[in-house]
């Protein structure tokens, strides 16, 4: 179950993809419609589940979403200079989410050691 949770709970990746696409659209003067914005949100949620957990693994998904919205996918080069820092932030959010969920599951199953034994 751990491997499914680790790949299916990439909240940082999903947030990064959506924010990046909307940032690039705004930067290049593309105005996505409400339907396109909802599509970006939906695809980013799916992309967060299906993206490989490797460094810069979400950039191909960002390029695909950019094409869907009408943004030139080559504009990803704008964020490549800071992607290393953003990648560390994504990993922090992904790991934090995994730890919180693992703690909640463990508490529900009484698998945590008692911090105050009698």
C-alpha atoms as a PDB file:
ATOM      1  CA  UNK A   1       0.000   0.000   0.000  1.00  0.00           C
ATOM      2  CA  UNK A   2       2.911   2.320   0.627  1.00  0.00           C
ATOM      3  CA  UNK A   3       3.919   2.480  -3.033  1.00  0.00           C
ATOM      4  CA  UNK A   4       0.374   3.316  -4.141  1.00  0.00           C
ATOM      5  CA  UNK A   5       0.159   6.069  -1.530  1.00  0.00           C
ATOM      6  CA  UNK A   6       3.541   7.495  -2.458  1.00  0.00           C
ATOM      7  CA  UNK A   7       2.684   7.801  -6.148  1.00  0.00           C
ATOM      8  CA  UNK A   8      -0.985   8.707  -5.757  1.00  0.00           C
ATOM      9  CA  UNK A   9      -0.478  11.489  -3.230  1.00  0.00           C
ATOM     10  CA  UNK A  10       1.696  13.966  -5.097  1.00  0.00           C
ATOM     11  CA  UNK A  11      -0.081  17.133  -4.007  1.00  0.00           C
ATOM     12  CA  UNK A  12       2.951  19.334  -4.600  1.00  0.00           C
ATOM     13  CA  UNK A  13       3.259  18.113  -8.162  1.00  0.00           C
ATOM     14  CA  UNK A  14      -0.404  18.770  -8.930  1.00  0.00           C
ATOM     15  CA  UNK A  15      -0.191  22.285  -7.473  1.00  0.00           C
ATOM     16  CA  UNK A  16       3.036  23.012  -9.356  1.00  0.00           C
ATOM     17  CA  UNK A  17       1.589  21.931 -12.683  1.00  0.00           C
ATOM     18  CA  UNK A  18      -1.517  24.087 -12.372  1.00  0.00           C
ATOM     19  CA  UNK A  19       0.258  27.173 -11.062  1.00  0.00           C
ATOM     20  CA  UNK A  20       2.978  26.897 -13.705  1.00  0.00           C
ATOM     21  CA  UNK A  21       0.539  26.594 -16.607  1.00  0.00           C
ATOM     22  CA  UNK A  22      -1.556  29.516 -15.391  1.00  0.00           C
ATOM     23  CA  UNK A  23       1.582  31.592 -14.722  1.00  0.00           C
ATOM     24  CA  UNK A  24       2.929  30.956 -18.220  1.00  0.00           C
ATOM     25  CA  UNK A  25      -0.466  31.732 -19.746  1.00  0.00           C
ATOM     26  CA  UNK A  26      -0.636  35.031 -17.898  1.00  0.00           C
ATOM     27  CA  UNK A  27       2.978  35.861 -18.750  1.00  0.00           C
ATOM     28  CA  UNK A  28       2.394  35.264 -22.460  1.00  0.00           C
ATOM     29  CA  UNK A  29      -0.939  37.078 -22.537  1.00  0.00           C
ATOM     30  CA  UNK A  30      -3.113  33.994 -23.080  1.00  0.00           C
ATOM     31  CA  UNK A  31      -6.505  34.264 -21.358  1.00  0.00           C
ATOM     32  CA  UNK A  32      -7.815  30.764 -20.623  1.00  0.00           C
ATOM     33  CA  UNK A  33     -11.574  30.443 -20.410  1.00  0.00           C
ATOM     34  CA  UNK A  34     -13.262  29.150 -17.266  1.00  0.00           C
ATOM     35  CA  UNK A  35     -13.710  25.770 -18.946  1.00  0.00           C
ATOM     36  CA  UNK A  36      -9.994  25.658 -19.812  1.00  0.00           C
ATOM     37  CA  UNK A  37      -9.090  26.538 -16.223  1.00  0.00           C
ATOM     38  CA  UNK A  38     -11.300  23.730 -14.915  1.00  0.00           C
ATOM     39  CA  UNK A  39      -9.715  21.385 -17.449  1.00  0.00           C
ATOM     40  CA  UNK A  40      -6.256  22.433 -16.222  1.00  0.00           C
ATOM     41  CA  UNK A  41      -7.339  21.683 -12.646  1.00  0.00           C
ATOM     42  CA  UNK A  42      -8.709  18.251 -13.563  1.00  0.00           C
ATOM     43  CA  UNK A  43      -5.675  17.267 -15.645  1.00  0.00           C
ATOM     44  CA  UNK A  44      -3.312  18.481 -12.907  1.00  0.00           C
ATOM     45  CA  UNK A  45      -5.057  16.283 -10.348  1.00  0.00           C
ATOM     46  CA  UNK A  46      -4.690  13.309 -12.679  1.00  0.00           C
ATOM     47  CA  UNK A  47      -1.133  14.361 -13.490  1.00  0.00           C
ATOM     48  CA  UNK A  48      -0.290  14.454  -9.785  1.00  0.00           C
ATOM     49  CA  UNK A  49      -1.378  10.839  -9.546  1.00  0.00           C
ATOM     50  CA  UNK A  50       0.310   9.605 -12.713  1.00  0.00           C
ATOM     51  CA  UNK A  51       3.525  11.606 -12.768  1.00  0.00           C
ATOM     52  CA  UNK A  52       6.733   9.724 -12.087  1.00  0.00           C
ATOM     53  CA  UNK A  53       8.332  10.541  -8.765  1.00  0.00           C
ATOM     54  CA  UNK A  54      11.632  11.669 -10.272  1.00  0.00           C
ATOM     55  CA  UNK A  55      13.283  15.055 -10.542  1.00  0.00           C
ATOM     56  CA  UNK A  56      11.551  17.222 -13.189  1.00  0.00           C
ATOM     57  CA  UNK A  57       9.162  14.357 -13.960  1.00  0.00           C
ATOM     58  CA  UNK A  58       6.227  16.745 -14.140  1.00  0.00           C
ATOM     59  CA  UNK A  59       7.640  18.955 -16.902  1.00  0.00           C
ATOM     60  CA  UNK A  60       6.303  16.769 -19.765  1.00  0.00           C
ATOM     61  CA  UNK A  61       2.854  16.965 -18.168  1.00  0.00           C
ATOM     62  CA  UNK A  62       3.181  20.750 -17.896  1.00  0.00           C
ATOM     63  CA  UNK A  63       4.085  20.894 -21.598  1.00  0.00           C
ATOM     64  CA  UNK A  64       1.016  18.823 -22.477  1.00  0.00           C
ATOM     65  CA  UNK A  65      -1.270  21.059 -20.427  1.00  0.00           C
ATOM     66  CA  UNK A  66       0.285  24.168 -21.983  1.00  0.00           C
ATOM     67  CA  UNK A  67      -0.656  22.860 -25.436  1.00  0.00           C
ATOM     68  CA  UNK A  68      -4.224  22.219 -24.222  1.00  0.00           C
ATOM     69  CA  UNK A  69      -4.572  25.838 -23.085  1.00  0.00           C
ATOM     70  CA  UNK A  70      -2.866  27.354 -26.128  1.00  0.00           C
ATOM     71  CA  UNK A  71       0.431  28.291 -24.489  1.00  0.00           C
ATOM     72  CA  UNK A  72       3.661  27.601 -26.363  1.00  0.00           C
ATOM     73  CA  UNK A  73       5.217  24.579 -24.582  1.00  0.00           C
ATOM     74  CA  UNK A  74       8.691  25.983 -25.230  1.00  0.00           C
ATOM     75  CA  UNK A  75       7.893  28.659 -22.652  1.00  0.00           C
ATOM     76  CA  UNK A  76       8.738  26.075 -19.960  1.00  0.00           C
ATOM     77  CA  UNK A  77      12.325  27.228 -20.465  1.00  0.00           C
ATOM     78  CA  UNK A  78      11.389  30.332 -18.468  1.00  0.00           C
ATOM     79  CA  UNK A  79      10.965  28.300 -15.296  1.00  0.00           C
ATOM     80  CA  UNK A  80      13.830  25.858 -15.892  1.00  0.00           C
ATOM     81  CA  UNK A  81      16.278  28.145 -14.082  1.00  0.00           C
ATOM     82  CA  UNK A  82      14.342  27.903 -10.819  1.00  0.00           C
ATOM     83  CA  UNK A  83      12.947  24.398 -11.269  1.00  0.00           C
ATOM     84  CA  UNK A  84      15.531  22.833  -8.969  1.00  0.00           C
ATOM     85  CA  UNK A  85      14.311  24.972  -6.060  1.00  0.00           C
ATOM     86  CA  UNK A  86      10.669  24.395  -7.001  1.00  0.00           C
ATOM     87  CA  UNK A  87      11.353  20.660  -7.205  1.00  0.00           C
ATOM     88  CA  UNK A  88      12.617  20.648  -3.622  1.00  0.00           C
ATOM     89  CA  UNK A  89       9.437  22.454  -2.525  1.00  0.00           C
ATOM     90  CA  UNK A  90       7.280  19.889  -4.377  1.00  0.00           C
ATOM     91  CA  UNK A  91       9.111  17.012  -2.733  1.00  0.00           C
ATOM     92  CA  UNK A  92       8.659  18.587   0.704  1.00  0.00           C
ATOM     93  CA  UNK A  93       4.923  18.915   0.187  1.00  0.00           C
ATOM     94  CA  UNK A  94       4.598  15.394  -1.242  1.00  0.00           C
ATOM     95  CA  UNK A  95       6.533  13.790   1.615  1.00  0.00           C
ATOM     96  CA  UNK A  96       4.680  15.817   4.251  1.00  0.00           C
ATOM     97  CA  UNK A  97       1.353  14.668   2.835  1.00  0.00           C
ATOM     98  CA  UNK A  98       2.521  11.051   2.835  1.00  0.00           C
ATOM     99  CA  UNK A  99       3.648  11.297   6.456  1.00  0.00           C
ATOM    100  CA  UNK A 100       0.403  12.882   7.636  1.00  0.00           C
ATOM    101  CA  UNK A 101      -1.699  10.216   5.943  1.00  0.00           C
ATOM    102  CA  UNK A 102       0.515   7.407   7.239  1.00  0.00           C
ATOM    103  CA  UNK A 103       0.170   8.809  10.770  1.00  0.00           C
ATOM    104  CA  UNK A 104      -3.611   9.027  10.468  1.00  0.00           C
ATOM    105  CA  UNK A 105      -3.853   5.447   9.221  1.00  0.00           C
ATOM    106  CA  UNK A 106      -1.546   4.221  11.988  1.00  0.00           C
ATOM    107  CA  UNK A 107      -3.617   6.025  14.644  1.00  0.00           C
ATOM    108  CA  UNK A 108      -6.772   4.471  13.258  1.00  0.00           C
ATOM    109  CA  UNK A 109      -5.258   1.013  13.526  1.00  0.00           C
ATOM    110  CA  UNK A 110      -3.567   1.578  16.919  1.00  0.00           C
ATOM    111  CA  UNK A 111      -0.148   0.831  15.403  1.00  0.00           C
ATOM    112  CA  UNK A 112       1.598   3.781  17.017  1.00  0.00           C
ATOM    113  CA  UNK A 113       3.617   3.095  20.150  1.00  0.00           C
ATOM    114  CA  UNK A 114       2.193   4.670  23.281  1.00  0.00           C
ATOM    115  CA  UNK A 115       4.291   7.790  24.024  1.00  0.00           C
ATOM    116  CA  UNK A 116       3.396   7.569  27.743  1.00  0.00           C
ATOM    117  CA  UNK A 117       3.523   3.913  28.817  1.00  0.00           C
ATOM    118  CA  UNK A 118       2.185   3.233  32.292  1.00  0.00           C
END
